[in-house]
N, C-alpha and C. Protein backbone atom coordinates (compact mmCIF):
# COMPACT_ATOMS: atom_id res chain seq x y z
N MET A 1 11.53 12.16 15.09
CA MET A 1 11.73 11.20 16.14
C MET A 1 12.76 10.16 15.67
N ARG A 2 13.71 9.90 16.48
CA ARG A 2 14.81 8.99 16.13
C ARG A 2 14.31 7.57 15.82
N LEU A 3 13.30 7.09 16.52
CA LEU A 3 12.78 5.74 16.29
C LEU A 3 12.36 5.56 14.84
N TRP A 4 11.58 6.52 14.29
CA TRP A 4 11.12 6.40 12.90
C TRP A 4 12.31 6.43 11.93
N GLN A 5 13.30 7.25 12.22
CA GLN A 5 14.48 7.31 11.36
C GLN A 5 15.19 5.96 11.33
N GLU A 6 15.34 5.33 12.48
CA GLU A 6 15.98 4.02 12.55
C GLU A 6 15.19 2.97 11.79
N ILE A 7 13.87 3.01 11.92
CA ILE A 7 13.03 2.05 11.20
C ILE A 7 13.18 2.24 9.70
N ARG A 8 13.12 3.48 9.22
CA ARG A 8 13.27 3.75 7.79
C ARG A 8 14.63 3.27 7.28
N GLU A 9 15.67 3.49 8.08
CA GLU A 9 17.01 3.04 7.68
C GLU A 9 17.06 1.52 7.53
N GLN A 10 16.45 0.80 8.47
CA GLN A 10 16.43 -0.66 8.42
C GLN A 10 15.66 -1.17 7.21
N LEU A 11 14.62 -0.46 6.80
CA LEU A 11 13.79 -0.87 5.67
C LEU A 11 14.26 -0.28 4.34
N ASN A 12 15.31 0.55 4.39
CA ASN A 12 15.77 1.27 3.19
C ASN A 12 14.62 2.06 2.56
N GLU A 13 13.86 2.73 3.39
CA GLU A 13 12.70 3.49 2.95
C GLU A 13 12.90 4.98 3.22
N GLY A 14 12.13 5.76 2.52
CA GLY A 14 12.09 7.18 2.80
C GLY A 14 13.14 7.96 2.05
N PRO A 15 12.88 9.24 1.84
CA PRO A 15 13.82 10.10 1.14
C PRO A 15 15.08 10.34 1.96
N PRO A 16 16.18 10.67 1.31
CA PRO A 16 17.45 10.85 2.03
C PRO A 16 17.44 12.02 3.00
N ASP A 17 16.55 12.99 2.83
CA ASP A 17 16.52 14.14 3.75
C ASP A 17 15.83 13.82 5.06
N GLY A 18 15.31 12.59 5.21
CA GLY A 18 14.69 12.18 6.46
C GLY A 18 13.24 12.57 6.60
N VAL A 19 12.65 13.19 5.59
CA VAL A 19 11.25 13.59 5.66
C VAL A 19 10.37 12.36 5.45
N VAL A 20 9.42 12.17 6.34
CA VAL A 20 8.50 11.04 6.23
C VAL A 20 7.34 11.47 5.34
N THR A 21 7.08 10.70 4.29
CA THR A 21 6.01 11.06 3.37
C THR A 21 4.76 10.21 3.54
N GLY A 22 4.83 9.14 4.30
CA GLY A 22 3.66 8.29 4.54
C GLY A 22 3.13 8.51 5.94
N ALA A 23 2.03 7.84 6.22
CA ALA A 23 1.43 7.94 7.55
C ALA A 23 2.21 7.10 8.55
N LEU A 24 2.35 7.61 9.74
CA LEU A 24 2.95 6.88 10.85
C LEU A 24 1.87 6.78 11.92
N TYR A 25 1.73 5.61 12.52
CA TYR A 25 0.71 5.51 13.56
C TYR A 25 1.04 4.43 14.56
N THR A 26 0.47 4.60 15.75
CA THR A 26 0.57 3.64 16.83
C THR A 26 -0.83 3.46 17.39
N VAL A 27 -1.23 2.21 17.61
CA VAL A 27 -2.55 1.91 18.15
C VAL A 27 -2.38 1.21 19.49
N TRP A 28 -3.11 1.67 20.48
CA TRP A 28 -3.14 1.04 21.80
C TRP A 28 -4.46 0.30 21.93
N GLU A 29 -4.39 -0.98 22.15
CA GLU A 29 -5.58 -1.83 22.21
C GLU A 29 -6.59 -1.29 23.22
N GLY A 30 -7.81 -1.08 22.75
CA GLY A 30 -8.90 -0.63 23.60
C GLY A 30 -8.85 0.84 24.00
N LYS A 31 -7.79 1.56 23.64
CA LYS A 31 -7.62 2.95 24.08
C LYS A 31 -7.73 3.95 22.93
N GLY A 32 -7.15 3.61 21.76
CA GLY A 32 -7.16 4.54 20.64
C GLY A 32 -5.87 4.47 19.86
N GLY A 33 -5.61 5.52 19.09
CA GLY A 33 -4.41 5.53 18.27
C GLY A 33 -3.96 6.94 17.95
N TYR A 34 -2.68 7.09 17.69
CA TYR A 34 -2.06 8.37 17.36
C TYR A 34 -1.53 8.27 15.94
N PHE A 35 -1.93 9.20 15.06
CA PHE A 35 -1.60 9.17 13.64
C PHE A 35 -0.87 10.45 13.27
N GLN A 36 0.21 10.31 12.49
CA GLN A 36 1.01 11.45 12.06
C GLN A 36 1.03 11.52 10.53
N ASN A 37 1.32 12.72 10.02
CA ASN A 37 1.40 13.00 8.59
C ASN A 37 0.05 12.89 7.90
N ILE A 38 -0.98 13.35 8.58
CA ILE A 38 -2.34 13.35 8.06
C ILE A 38 -2.61 14.71 7.43
N ARG A 39 -3.18 14.71 6.24
CA ARG A 39 -3.48 15.98 5.55
C ARG A 39 -4.80 16.56 6.02
N SER A 40 -5.82 15.71 6.19
CA SER A 40 -7.13 16.20 6.63
C SER A 40 -8.00 15.02 7.06
N LEU A 41 -9.14 15.35 7.67
CA LEU A 41 -10.14 14.34 8.01
C LEU A 41 -11.12 14.24 6.86
N GLY A 42 -11.34 13.03 6.37
CA GLY A 42 -12.29 12.84 5.28
C GLY A 42 -13.70 12.64 5.79
N ALA A 43 -13.85 11.89 6.87
CA ALA A 43 -15.16 11.61 7.46
C ALA A 43 -14.92 10.99 8.84
N PHE A 44 -15.93 11.09 9.69
CA PHE A 44 -15.82 10.39 10.96
C PHE A 44 -17.19 10.07 11.53
N SER A 45 -17.25 8.95 12.21
CA SER A 45 -18.43 8.48 12.92
C SER A 45 -17.91 7.64 14.08
N PRO A 46 -18.79 7.19 14.97
CA PRO A 46 -18.32 6.34 16.07
C PRO A 46 -17.75 4.98 15.61
N GLN A 47 -18.03 4.59 14.34
CA GLN A 47 -17.54 3.31 13.83
C GLN A 47 -16.38 3.43 12.84
N GLU A 48 -16.16 4.63 12.28
CA GLU A 48 -15.11 4.77 11.27
C GLU A 48 -14.61 6.20 11.18
N VAL A 49 -13.29 6.34 11.04
CA VAL A 49 -12.67 7.63 10.78
C VAL A 49 -11.83 7.48 9.52
N VAL A 50 -12.02 8.40 8.57
CA VAL A 50 -11.25 8.39 7.33
C VAL A 50 -10.24 9.52 7.40
N LEU A 51 -8.96 9.17 7.32
CA LEU A 51 -7.88 10.14 7.38
C LEU A 51 -7.27 10.27 5.99
N CYS A 52 -7.20 11.48 5.47
CA CYS A 52 -6.66 11.73 4.14
C CYS A 52 -5.16 11.94 4.22
N LEU A 53 -4.44 11.28 3.33
CA LEU A 53 -2.99 11.37 3.24
C LEU A 53 -2.61 12.14 1.99
N ARG A 54 -1.32 12.32 1.77
CA ARG A 54 -0.84 12.94 0.54
C ARG A 54 -1.32 12.12 -0.66
N ARG A 55 -1.21 10.81 -0.55
CA ARG A 55 -1.71 9.90 -1.58
C ARG A 55 -2.54 8.82 -0.90
N GLY A 56 -3.83 8.82 -1.12
CA GLY A 56 -4.69 7.79 -0.54
C GLY A 56 -5.28 8.19 0.79
N THR A 57 -5.87 7.22 1.46
CA THR A 57 -6.52 7.43 2.74
C THR A 57 -6.21 6.28 3.69
N LEU A 58 -6.44 6.53 4.97
CA LEU A 58 -6.44 5.48 5.98
C LEU A 58 -7.86 5.39 6.51
N ARG A 59 -8.41 4.19 6.54
CA ARG A 59 -9.73 3.95 7.13
C ARG A 59 -9.51 3.27 8.48
N VAL A 60 -9.93 3.95 9.53
CA VAL A 60 -9.79 3.43 10.89
C VAL A 60 -11.17 2.96 11.33
N ALA A 61 -11.32 1.66 11.59
CA ALA A 61 -12.60 1.09 11.98
C ALA A 61 -12.56 0.65 13.43
N GLY A 62 -13.69 0.81 14.12
CA GLY A 62 -13.75 0.40 15.51
C GLY A 62 -15.07 0.73 16.16
N GLU A 63 -15.05 0.90 17.47
CA GLU A 63 -16.24 1.22 18.26
C GLU A 63 -15.95 2.44 19.13
N ASN A 64 -16.97 3.25 19.30
CA ASN A 64 -16.87 4.44 20.16
C ASN A 64 -15.69 5.33 19.79
N LEU A 65 -15.45 5.49 18.49
CA LEU A 65 -14.34 6.32 18.04
C LEU A 65 -14.70 7.79 18.13
N CYS A 66 -13.75 8.59 18.55
CA CYS A 66 -13.92 10.05 18.53
C CYS A 66 -12.55 10.68 18.29
N VAL A 67 -12.57 11.79 17.59
CA VAL A 67 -11.33 12.51 17.32
C VAL A 67 -11.04 13.37 18.55
N ALA A 68 -10.05 12.98 19.33
CA ALA A 68 -9.72 13.66 20.58
C ALA A 68 -8.77 14.83 20.35
N LYS A 69 -7.94 14.73 19.29
CA LYS A 69 -6.98 15.79 18.98
C LYS A 69 -6.77 15.82 17.48
N TYR A 70 -6.81 17.01 16.92
CA TYR A 70 -6.50 17.19 15.49
C TYR A 70 -5.74 18.49 15.40
N CYS A 71 -4.42 18.39 15.24
CA CYS A 71 -3.57 19.58 15.25
C CYS A 71 -2.51 19.42 14.17
N GLU A 72 -2.51 20.34 13.21
CA GLU A 72 -1.58 20.29 12.08
C GLU A 72 -1.70 18.94 11.39
N SER A 73 -0.69 18.10 11.48
CA SER A 73 -0.75 16.81 10.79
C SER A 73 -0.90 15.63 11.75
N ASP A 74 -1.22 15.91 13.01
CA ASP A 74 -1.37 14.86 14.01
C ASP A 74 -2.84 14.69 14.39
N VAL A 75 -3.24 13.43 14.54
CA VAL A 75 -4.62 13.11 14.94
C VAL A 75 -4.55 12.04 16.02
N PHE A 76 -5.27 12.27 17.11
CA PHE A 76 -5.41 11.27 18.16
C PHE A 76 -6.86 10.84 18.18
N ILE A 77 -7.09 9.54 18.02
CA ILE A 77 -8.44 8.97 17.99
C ILE A 77 -8.60 8.11 19.23
N ARG A 78 -9.64 8.39 20.01
CA ARG A 78 -9.97 7.57 21.19
C ARG A 78 -11.00 6.53 20.79
N GLY A 79 -10.99 5.40 21.49
CA GLY A 79 -11.96 4.34 21.25
C GLY A 79 -11.25 3.02 20.97
N SER A 80 -12.04 2.00 20.70
CA SER A 80 -11.50 0.67 20.39
C SER A 80 -11.29 0.57 18.88
N ILE A 81 -10.05 0.54 18.46
CA ILE A 81 -9.72 0.44 17.04
C ILE A 81 -9.53 -1.03 16.69
N PHE A 82 -10.31 -1.48 15.69
CA PHE A 82 -10.24 -2.88 15.25
C PHE A 82 -9.31 -3.05 14.06
N SER A 83 -9.28 -2.04 13.17
CA SER A 83 -8.43 -2.16 11.98
C SER A 83 -8.07 -0.79 11.43
N VAL A 84 -6.93 -0.76 10.73
CA VAL A 84 -6.48 0.41 10.00
C VAL A 84 -6.12 -0.09 8.61
N ALA A 85 -6.78 0.46 7.58
CA ALA A 85 -6.54 0.00 6.22
C ALA A 85 -6.19 1.18 5.33
N ARG A 86 -5.16 1.00 4.53
CA ARG A 86 -4.76 2.04 3.59
C ARG A 86 -5.44 1.79 2.26
N GLU A 87 -5.95 2.86 1.64
CA GLU A 87 -6.64 2.76 0.35
C GLU A 87 -6.13 3.82 -0.60
N GLY A 88 -6.11 3.50 -1.88
CA GLY A 88 -5.80 4.48 -2.91
C GLY A 88 -4.36 4.89 -2.98
N SER A 89 -3.44 4.12 -2.45
CA SER A 89 -2.03 4.46 -2.49
C SER A 89 -1.42 3.95 -3.79
N GLU A 90 -0.66 4.81 -4.44
CA GLU A 90 0.05 4.42 -5.65
C GLU A 90 1.54 4.50 -5.39
N GLY A 91 2.28 3.51 -5.79
CA GLY A 91 3.73 3.58 -5.69
C GLY A 91 4.24 3.29 -4.30
N LYS A 92 5.53 3.53 -4.13
CA LYS A 92 6.25 3.27 -2.89
C LYS A 92 5.93 4.33 -1.86
N ASN A 93 5.82 3.94 -0.63
CA ASN A 93 5.47 4.84 0.46
C ASN A 93 6.59 4.81 1.47
N GLY A 94 6.97 6.01 1.95
CA GLY A 94 8.09 6.09 2.88
C GLY A 94 7.69 6.06 4.32
N GLY A 95 6.43 5.79 4.64
CA GLY A 95 5.99 5.83 6.02
C GLY A 95 5.70 4.46 6.60
N GLY A 96 4.91 4.48 7.68
CA GLY A 96 4.66 3.25 8.39
C GLY A 96 3.34 2.61 8.08
N ALA A 97 2.62 3.10 7.08
CA ALA A 97 1.32 2.50 6.79
C ALA A 97 1.31 1.86 5.43
């Protein structure tokens, strides 16, 4: 997606081949969120979803959370998301999280 490429260029982030190595996500208040570059689901409940990355995890906290789509490296979570926190990351990350 051109938008992510432009953001990486402005931040001087990411490898020169344009491959995104970190998580990219967008959250819509009260509706849910769309997450990219996810390796697997670590755990999920109506209050928390743990998304595993290449390095570390993303903890998505909220209410009435459910995994609406999980396809390849994309995850769509429905519900009210209150926070997204990255854990266990070492070094520089080329993504949006």
